[in-house]
Amino acid sequence: ATIGLKASLFGDVVVGEGATIKPNDVLLPKTRIPDRE
């Protein structure tokens, strides 16, 4: 997985295999990012 510049990730978050999180994105609690997208 790739976490972009200045992105914010909190507890109870799962980022899937190969996923890309864009710069400045915020992943709030309970967020589930699927594999590769």
All heavy atoms as atom14 arrays in JSON, in Angstrom:
{
  "sequence": "ATIGLKASLFGDVVVGEGATIKPNDVLLPKTRIPDRE",
  "atom14_mask": [
    [1, 1, 1, 1, 1, 0, 0, 0, 0, 0, 0, 0, 0, 0],
    [1, 1, 1, 1, 1, 1, 1, 0, 0, 0, 0, 0, 0, 0],
    [1, 1, 1, 1, 1, 1, 1, 1, 0, 0, 0, 0, 0, 0],
    [1, 1, 1, 1, 0, 0, 0, 0, 0, 0, 0, 0, 0, 0],
    [1, 1, 1, 1, 1, 1, 1, 1, 0, 0, 0, 0, 0, 0],
    [1, 1, 1, 1, 1, 1, 1, 1, 1, 0, 0, 0, 0, 0],
    [1, 1, 1, 1, 1, 0, 0, 0, 0, 0, 0, 0, 0, 0],
    [1, 1, 1, 1, 1, 1, 0, 0, 0, 0, 0, 0, 0, 0],
    [1, 1, 1, 1, 1, 1, 1, 1, 0, 0, 0, 0, 0, 0],
    [1, 1, 1, 1, 1, 1, 1, 1, 1, 1, 1, 0, 0, 0],
    [1, 1, 1, 1, 0, 0, 0, 0, 0, 0, 0, 0, 0, 0],
    [1, 1, 1, 1, 1, 1, 1, 1, 0, 0, 0, 0, 0, 0],
    [1, 1, 1, 1, 1, 1, 1, 0, 0, 0, 0, 0, 0, 0],
    [1, 1, 1, 1, 1, 1, 1, 0, 0, 0, 0, 0, 0, 0],
    [1, 1, 1, 1, 1, 1, 1, 0, 0, 0, 0, 0, 0, 0],
    [1, 1, 1, 1, 0, 0, 0, 0, 0, 0, 0, 0, 0, 0],
    [1, 1, 1, 1, 1, 1, 1, 1, 1, 0, 0, 0, 0, 0],
    [1, 1, 1, 1, 0, 0, 0, 0, 0, 0, 0, 0, 0, 0],
    [1, 1, 1, 1, 1, 0, 0, 0, 0, 0, 0, 0, 0, 0],
    [1, 1, 1, 1, 1, 1, 1, 0, 0, 0, 0, 0, 0, 0],
    [1, 1, 1, 1, 1, 1, 1, 1, 0, 0, 0, 0, 0, 0],
    [1, 1, 1, 1, 1, 1, 1, 1, 1, 0, 0, 0, 0, 0],
    [1, 1, 1, 1, 1, 1, 1, 0, 0, 0, 0, 0, 0, 0],
    [1, 1, 1, 1, 1, 1, 1, 1, 0, 0, 0, 0, 0, 0],
    [1, 1, 1, 1, 1, 1, 1, 1, 0, 0, 0, 0, 0, 0],
    [1, 1, 1, 1, 1, 1, 1, 0, 0, 0, 0, 0, 0, 0],
    [1, 1, 1, 1, 1, 1, 1, 1, 0, 0, 0, 0, 0, 0],
    [1, 1, 1, 1, 1, 1, 1, 1, 0, 0, 0, 0, 0, 0],
    [1, 1, 1, 1, 1, 1, 1, 0, 0, 0, 0, 0, 0, 0],
    [1, 1, 1, 1, 1, 1, 1, 1, 1, 0, 0, 0, 0, 0],
    [1, 1, 1, 1, 1, 1, 1, 0, 0, 0, 0, 0, 0, 0],
    [1, 1, 1, 1, 1, 1, 1, 1, 1, 1, 1, 0, 0, 0],
    [1, 1, 1, 1, 1, 1, 1, 1, 0, 0, 0, 0, 0, 0],
    [1, 1, 1, 1, 1, 1, 1, 0, 0, 0, 0, 0, 0, 0],
    [1, 1, 1, 1, 1, 1, 1, 1, 0, 0, 0, 0, 0, 0],
    [1, 1, 1, 1, 1, 1, 1, 1, 1, 1, 1, 0, 0, 0],
    [1, 1, 1, 1, 1, 1, 1, 1, 1, 0, 0, 0, 0, 0]
  ],
  "atom14_positions": [
    [[0.85, -1.2, 0.0], [0.0, 0.0, 0.0], [0.89, 1.25, 0.0], [2.03, 1.22, 0.43], [-0.9, 0.0, 1.23], [0.0, 0.0, 0.0], [0.0, 0.0, 0.0], [0.0, 0.0, 0.0], [0.0, 0.0, 0.0], [0.0, 0.0, 0.0], [0.0, 0.0, 0.0], [0.0, 0.0, 0.0], [0.0, 0.0, 0.0], [0.0, 0.0, 0.0]],
    [[0.33, 2.34, -0.5], [1.03, 3.63, -0.54], [0.17, 4.68, 0.14], [-0.99, 4.87, -0.22], [1.32, 4.06, -1.99], [2.15, 3.08, -2.63], [2.05, 5.41, -2.01], [0.0, 0.0, 0.0], [0.0, 0.0, 0.0], [0.0, 0.0, 0.0], [0.0, 0.0, 0.0], [0.0, 0.0, 0.0], [0.0, 0.0, 0.0], [0.0, 0.0, 0.0]],
    [[0.75, 5.34, 1.12], [0.06, 6.41, 1.85], [0.65, 7.74, 1.42], [1.84, 7.98, 1.58], [0.2, 6.23, 3.38], [-0.17, 4.81, 3.8], [-0.62, 7.27, 4.11], [-1.59, 4.41, 3.45], [0.0, 0.0, 0.0], [0.0, 0.0, 0.0], [0.0, 0.0, 0.0], [0.0, 0.0, 0.0], [0.0, 0.0, 0.0], [0.0, 0.0, 0.0]],
    [[-0.17, 8.59, 0.84], [0.31, 9.84, 0.26], [0.76, 10.87, 1.27], [0.5, 10.78, 2.47], [0.0, 0.0, 0.0], [0.0, 0.0, 0.0], [0.0, 0.0, 0.0], [0.0, 0.0, 0.0], [0.0, 0.0, 0.0], [0.0, 0.0, 0.0], [0.0, 0.0, 0.0], [0.0, 0.0, 0.0], [0.0, 0.0, 0.0], [0.0, 0.0, 0.0]],
    [[1.42, 11.89, 0.74], [1.93, 13.0, 1.53], [0.84, 13.64, 2.37], [-0.24, 13.95, 1.89], [2.53, 14.04, 0.58], [3.13, 15.3, 1.16], [4.49, 14.99, 1.77], [3.27, 16.38, 0.08], [0.0, 0.0, 0.0], [0.0, 0.0, 0.0], [0.0, 0.0, 0.0], [0.0, 0.0, 0.0], [0.0, 0.0, 0.0], [0.0, 0.0, 0.0]],
    [[1.09, 13.79, 3.67], [0.21, 14.47, 4.62], [-1.17, 13.82, 4.78], [-2.1, 14.45, 5.27], [0.04, 15.94, 4.25], [1.33, 16.74, 4.35], [1.1, 18.22, 4.07], [2.4, 19.01, 4.23], [2.19, 20.45, 3.97], [0.0, 0.0, 0.0], [0.0, 0.0, 0.0], [0.0, 0.0, 0.0], [0.0, 0.0, 0.0], [0.0, 0.0, 0.0]],
    [[-1.3, 12.55, 4.4], [-2.55, 11.83, 4.66], [-2.66, 11.56, 6.16], [-1.66, 11.52, 6.87], [-2.59, 10.53, 3.88], [0.0, 0.0, 0.0], [0.0, 0.0, 0.0], [0.0, 0.0, 0.0], [0.0, 0.0, 0.0], [0.0, 0.0, 0.0], [0.0, 0.0, 0.0], [0.0, 0.0, 0.0], [0.0, 0.0, 0.0], [0.0, 0.0, 0.0]],
    [[-3.88, 11.37, 6.65], [-4.12, 11.12, 8.07], [-4.91, 9.83, 8.24], [-5.97, 9.67, 7.64], [-4.88, 12.29, 8.71], [-4.13, 13.48, 8.64], [0.0, 0.0, 0.0], [0.0, 0.0, 0.0], [0.0, 0.0, 0.0], [0.0, 0.0, 0.0], [0.0, 0.0, 0.0], [0.0, 0.0, 0.0], [0.0, 0.0, 0.0], [0.0, 0.0, 0.0]],
    [[-4.4, 8.92, 9.06], [-5.04, 7.64, 9.3], [-5.25, 7.47, 10.8], [-4.32, 7.7, 11.59], [-4.21, 6.48, 8.76], [-4.11, 6.32, 7.24], [-3.25, 7.4, 6.6], [-3.53, 4.95, 6.89], [0.0, 0.0, 0.0], [0.0, 0.0, 0.0], [0.0, 0.0, 0.0], [0.0, 0.0, 0.0], [0.0, 0.0, 0.0], [0.0, 0.0, 0.0]],
    [[-6.44, 7.02, 11.19], [-6.8, 6.89, 12.59], [-6.95, 5.42, 12.98], [-6.8, 4.52, 12.16], [-8.1, 7.64, 12.86], [-7.98, 9.14, 12.7], [-8.15, 9.74, 11.47], [-7.68, 9.94, 13.8], [-8.02, 11.11, 11.32], [-7.55, 11.31, 13.66], [-7.73, 11.9, 12.41], [0.0, 0.0, 0.0], [0.0, 0.0, 0.0], [0.0, 0.0, 0.0]],
    [[-7.26, 5.21, 14.25], [-7.49, 3.87, 14.75], [-8.71, 3.23, 14.11], [-9.61, 3.93, 13.63], [0.0, 0.0, 0.0], [0.0, 0.0, 0.0], [0.0, 0.0, 0.0], [0.0, 0.0, 0.0], [0.0, 0.0, 0.0], [0.0, 0.0, 0.0], [0.0, 0.0, 0.0], [0.0, 0.0, 0.0], [0.0, 0.0, 0.0], [0.0, 0.0, 0.0]],
    [[-8.73, 1.91, 14.08], [-9.82, 1.14, 13.48], [-9.94, 1.44, 11.99], [-11.04, 1.59, 11.44], [-11.14, 1.42, 14.19], [-12.21, 0.39, 13.85], [-11.85, -0.67, 13.29], [-13.4, 0.65, 14.13], [0.0, 0.0, 0.0], [0.0, 0.0, 0.0], [0.0, 0.0, 0.0], [0.0, 0.0, 0.0], [0.0, 0.0, 0.0], [0.0, 0.0, 0.0]],
    [[-8.78, 1.52, 11.32], [-8.71, 1.71, 9.87], [-7.9, 0.56, 9.29], [-6.88, 0.17, 9.85], [-8.06, 3.06, 9.5], [-7.65, 3.09, 8.03], [-9.02, 4.21, 9.79], [0.0, 0.0, 0.0], [0.0, 0.0, 0.0], [0.0, 0.0, 0.0], [0.0, 0.0, 0.0], [0.0, 0.0, 0.0], [0.0, 0.0, 0.0], [0.0, 0.0, 0.0]],
    [[-8.36, 0.03, 8.16], [-7.62, -1.01, 7.45], [-7.44, -0.57, 6.0], [-8.42, -0.3, 5.3], [-8.36, -2.37, 7.49], [-7.58, -3.41, 6.7], [-8.54, -2.83, 8.94], [0.0, 0.0, 0.0], [0.0, 0.0, 0.0], [0.0, 0.0, 0.0], [0.0, 0.0, 0.0], [0.0, 0.0, 0.0], [0.0, 0.0, 0.0], [0.0, 0.0, 0.0]],
    [[-6.19, -0.5, 5.57], [-5.87, -0.15, 4.19], [-5.48, -1.43, 3.47], [-4.55, -2.13, 3.88], [-4.72, 0.88, 4.12], [-4.37, 1.18, 2.66], [-5.11, 2.16, 4.85], [0.0, 0.0, 0.0], [0.0, 0.0, 0.0], [0.0, 0.0, 0.0], [0.0, 0.0, 0.0], [0.0, 0.0, 0.0], [0.0, 0.0, 0.0], [0.0, 0.0, 0.0]],
    [[-6.19, -1.75, 2.4], [-6.01, -3.01, 1.71], [-4.7, -3.12, 0.95], [-3.99, -2.13, 0.71], [0.0, 0.0, 0.0], [0.0, 0.0, 0.0], [0.0, 0.0, 0.0], [0.0, 0.0, 0.0], [0.0, 0.0, 0.0], [0.0, 0.0, 0.0], [0.0, 0.0, 0.0], [0.0, 0.0, 0.0], [0.0, 0.0, 0.0], [0.0, 0.0, 0.0]],
    [[-4.4, -4.33, 0.53], [-3.17, -4.62, -0.18], [-3.11, -3.85, -1.5], [-4.04, -3.88, -2.31], [-3.06, -6.12, -0.44], [-1.78, -6.53, -1.14], [-1.66, -8.03, -1.3], [-2.45, -8.76, -0.66], [-0.77, -8.47, -2.06], [0.0, 0.0, 0.0], [0.0, 0.0, 0.0], [0.0, 0.0, 0.0], [0.0, 0.0, 0.0], [0.0, 0.0, 0.0]],
    [[-2.0, -3.16, -1.72], [-1.8, -2.45, -2.98], [-2.6, -1.16, -3.12], [-2.54, -0.5, -4.16], [0.0, 0.0, 0.0], [0.0, 0.0, 0.0], [0.0, 0.0, 0.0], [0.0, 0.0, 0.0], [0.0, 0.0, 0.0], [0.0, 0.0, 0.0], [0.0, 0.0, 0.0], [0.0, 0.0, 0.0], [0.0, 0.0, 0.0], [0.0, 0.0, 0.0]],
    [[-3.35, -0.78, -2.1], [-4.19, 0.42, -2.19], [-3.32, 1.67, -2.16], [-2.23, 1.69, -1.59], [-5.19, 0.45, -1.04], [0.0, 0.0, 0.0], [0.0, 0.0, 0.0], [0.0, 0.0, 0.0], [0.0, 0.0, 0.0], [0.0, 0.0, 0.0], [0.0, 0.0, 0.0], [0.0, 0.0, 0.0], [0.0, 0.0, 0.0], [0.0, 0.0, 0.0]],
    [[-3.82, 2.73, -2.78], [-3.13, 4.01, -2.79], [-4.03, 5.06, -2.14], [-5.16, 5.28, -2.58], [-2.79, 4.45, -4.22], [-1.88, 3.51, -4.8], [-2.13, 5.83, -4.21], [0.0, 0.0, 0.0], [0.0, 0.0, 0.0], [0.0, 0.0, 0.0], [0.0, 0.0, 0.0], [0.0, 0.0, 0.0], [0.0, 0.0, 0.0], [0.0, 0.0, 0.0]],
    [[-3.51, 5.69, -1.1], [-4.23, 6.77, -0.43], [-3.61, 8.09, -0.9], [-2.41, 8.3, -0.79], [-4.11, 6.65, 1.11], [-4.55, 5.26, 1.56], [-4.93, 7.74, 1.79], [-5.95, 4.87, 1.14], [0.0, 0.0, 0.0], [0.0, 0.0, 0.0], [0.0, 0.0, 0.0], [0.0, 0.0, 0.0], [0.0, 0.0, 0.0], [0.0, 0.0, 0.0]],
    [[-4.43, 8.96, -1.45], [-3.93, 10.19, -2.05], [-3.4, 11.16, -0.99], [-3.81, 11.12, 0.17], [-5.04, 10.85, -2.86], [-5.51, 10.02, -4.05], [-6.63, 10.72, -4.79], [-7.11, 9.89, -5.95], [-8.23, 10.55, -6.69], [0.0, 0.0, 0.0], [0.0, 0.0, 0.0], [0.0, 0.0, 0.0], [0.0, 0.0, 0.0], [0.0, 0.0, 0.0]],
    [[-2.52, 12.08, -1.41], [-2.02, 13.1, -0.47], [-3.16, 13.89, 0.15], [-4.15, 14.22, -0.51], [-1.16, 13.99, -1.38], [-0.69, 13.07, -2.46], [-1.85, 12.14, -2.72], [0.0, 0.0, 0.0], [0.0, 0.0, 0.0], [0.0, 0.0, 0.0], [0.0, 0.0, 0.0], [0.0, 0.0, 0.0], [0.0, 0.0, 0.0], [0.0, 0.0, 0.0]],
    [[-3.03, 14.17, 1.45], [-3.98, 14.95, 2.23], [-5.31, 14.25, 2.5], [-6.2, 14.84, 3.11], [-4.25, 16.31, 1.57], [-3.02, 17.18, 1.52], [-2.43, 17.49, 2.54], [-2.62, 17.58, 0.32], [0.0, 0.0, 0.0], [0.0, 0.0, 0.0], [0.0, 0.0, 0.0], [0.0, 0.0, 0.0], [0.0, 0.0, 0.0], [0.0, 0.0, 0.0]],
    [[-5.46, 13.0, 2.06], [-6.69, 12.27, 2.38], [-6.77, 11.99, 3.88], [-5.74, 11.87, 4.56], [-6.73, 10.93, 1.63], [-7.36, 11.07, 0.25], [-7.72, 12.2, -0.11], [-7.47, 10.06, -0.45], [0.0, 0.0, 0.0], [0.0, 0.0, 0.0], [0.0, 0.0, 0.0], [0.0, 0.0, 0.0], [0.0, 0.0, 0.0], [0.0, 0.0, 0.0]],
    [[-7.99, 11.87, 4.38], [-8.23, 11.56, 5.78], [-9.05, 10.29, 5.86], [-10.17, 10.24, 5.31], [-8.96, 12.7, 6.51], [-9.25, 12.31, 7.95], [-8.13, 13.99, 6.47], [0.0, 0.0, 0.0], [0.0, 0.0, 0.0], [0.0, 0.0, 0.0], [0.0, 0.0, 0.0], [0.0, 0.0, 0.0], [0.0, 0.0, 0.0], [0.0, 0.0, 0.0]],
    [[-8.53, 9.26, 6.5], [-9.26, 8.0, 6.69], [-9.79, 7.96, 8.11], [-9.04, 7.74, 9.07], [-8.35, 6.8, 6.42], [-7.71, 6.72, 5.03], [-7.01, 5.38, 4.84], [-8.75, 6.94, 3.93], [0.0, 0.0, 0.0], [0.0, 0.0, 0.0], [0.0, 0.0, 0.0], [0.0, 0.0, 0.0], [0.0, 0.0, 0.0], [0.0, 0.0, 0.0]],
    [[-11.07, 8.2, 8.24], [-11.7, 8.25, 9.56], [-11.87, 6.85, 10.13], [-11.8, 5.85, 9.4], [-13.05, 8.96, 9.44], [-13.01, 10.42, 9.01], [-14.42, 10.98, 8.84], [-12.22, 11.26, 10.0], [0.0, 0.0, 0.0], [0.0, 0.0, 0.0], [0.0, 0.0, 0.0], [0.0, 0.0, 0.0], [0.0, 0.0, 0.0], [0.0, 0.0, 0.0]],
    [[-12.06, 6.74, 11.45], [-12.24, 5.43, 12.07], [-13.3, 4.6, 11.39], [-14.3, 5.12, 10.89], [-12.65, 5.8, 13.51], [-12.01, 7.12, 13.74], [-12.09, 7.84, 12.43], [0.0, 0.0, 0.0], [0.0, 0.0, 0.0], [0.0, 0.0, 0.0], [0.0, 0.0, 0.0], [0.0, 0.0, 0.0], [0.0, 0.0, 0.0], [0.0, 0.0, 0.0]],
    [[-13.07, 3.3, 11.34], [-13.94, 2.29, 10.75], [-13.86, 2.27, 9.23], [-14.61, 1.55, 8.56], [-15.39, 2.44, 11.2], [-15.57, 2.39, 12.72], [-17.03, 2.4, 13.11], [-17.18, 2.46, 14.62], [-16.52, 1.32, 15.31], [0.0, 0.0, 0.0], [0.0, 0.0, 0.0], [0.0, 0.0, 0.0], [0.0, 0.0, 0.0], [0.0, 0.0, 0.0]],
    [[-12.94, 3.05, 8.64], [-12.75, 3.02, 7.2], [-12.07, 1.72, 6.79], [-11.12, 1.27, 7.42], [-11.9, 4.21, 6.73], [-12.57, 5.42, 7.05], [-11.66, 4.16, 5.22], [0.0, 0.0, 0.0], [0.0, 0.0, 0.0], [0.0, 0.0, 0.0], [0.0, 0.0, 0.0], [0.0, 0.0, 0.0], [0.0, 0.0, 0.0], [0.0, 0.0, 0.0]],
    [[-12.56, 1.12, 5.72], [-11.97, -0.09, 5.16], [-11.69, 0.17, 3.68], [-12.61, 0.32, 2.89], [-12.9, -1.29, 5.32], [-13.25, -1.64, 6.77], [-12.04, -2.16, 7.52], [-12.37, -2.59, 8.87], [-12.31, -1.81, 9.95], [-11.96, -0.52, 9.82], [-12.6, -2.28, 11.14], [0.0, 0.0, 0.0], [0.0, 0.0, 0.0], [0.0, 0.0, 0.0]],
    [[-10.42, 0.22, 3.33], [-10.03, 0.42, 1.95], [-9.76, -0.95, 1.32], [-8.92, -1.69, 1.8], [-8.75, 1.29, 1.85], [-8.96, 2.63, 2.58], [-8.38, 1.52, 0.38], [-10.06, 3.47, 2.01], [0.0, 0.0, 0.0], [0.0, 0.0, 0.0], [0.0, 0.0, 0.0], [0.0, 0.0, 0.0], [0.0, 0.0, 0.0], [0.0, 0.0, 0.0]],
    [[-10.48, -1.3, 0.24], [-10.3, -2.61, -0.37], [-8.95, -2.75, -1.03], [-8.26, -1.77, -1.29], [-11.44, -2.68, -1.39], [-11.75, -1.26, -1.7], [-11.51, -0.5, -0.42], [0.0, 0.0, 0.0], [0.0, 0.0, 0.0], [0.0, 0.0, 0.0], [0.0, 0.0, 0.0], [0.0, 0.0, 0.0], [0.0, 0.0, 0.0], [0.0, 0.0, 0.0]],
    [[-8.58, -3.97, -1.35], [-7.31, -4.24, -1.99], [-7.19, -3.54, -3.33], [-8.17, -3.49, -4.12], [-7.12, -5.74, -2.2], [-6.99, -6.49, -0.88], [-6.78, -5.82, 0.15], [-7.07, -7.73, -0.89], [0.0, 0.0, 0.0], [0.0, 0.0, 0.0], [0.0, 0.0, 0.0], [0.0, 0.0, 0.0], [0.0, 0.0, 0.0], [0.0, 0.0, 0.0]],
    [[-6.05, -2.94, -3.58], [-5.62, -2.41, -4.88], [-6.36, -1.17, -5.37], [-6.08, -0.66, -6.42], [-5.69, -3.5, -5.96], [-4.85, -4.7, -5.63], [-4.68, -5.64, -6.81], [-3.94, -6.82, -6.41], [-2.63, -6.87, -6.24], [-1.91, -5.79, -6.46], [-2.04, -7.98, -5.86], [0.0, 0.0, 0.0], [0.0, 0.0, 0.0], [0.0, 0.0, 0.0]],
    [[-7.33, -0.72, -4.65], [-7.99, 0.52, -5.06], [-8.63, 1.16, -3.86], [-8.93, 0.51, -2.87], [-9.05, 0.25, -6.13], [-10.2, -0.62, -5.64], [-11.24, -0.86, -6.72], [-11.06, -0.36, -7.84], [-12.21, -1.56, -6.44], [0.0, 0.0, 0.0], [0.0, 0.0, 0.0], [0.0, 0.0, 0.0], [0.0, 0.0, 0.0], [0.0, 0.0, 0.0]]
  ]
}
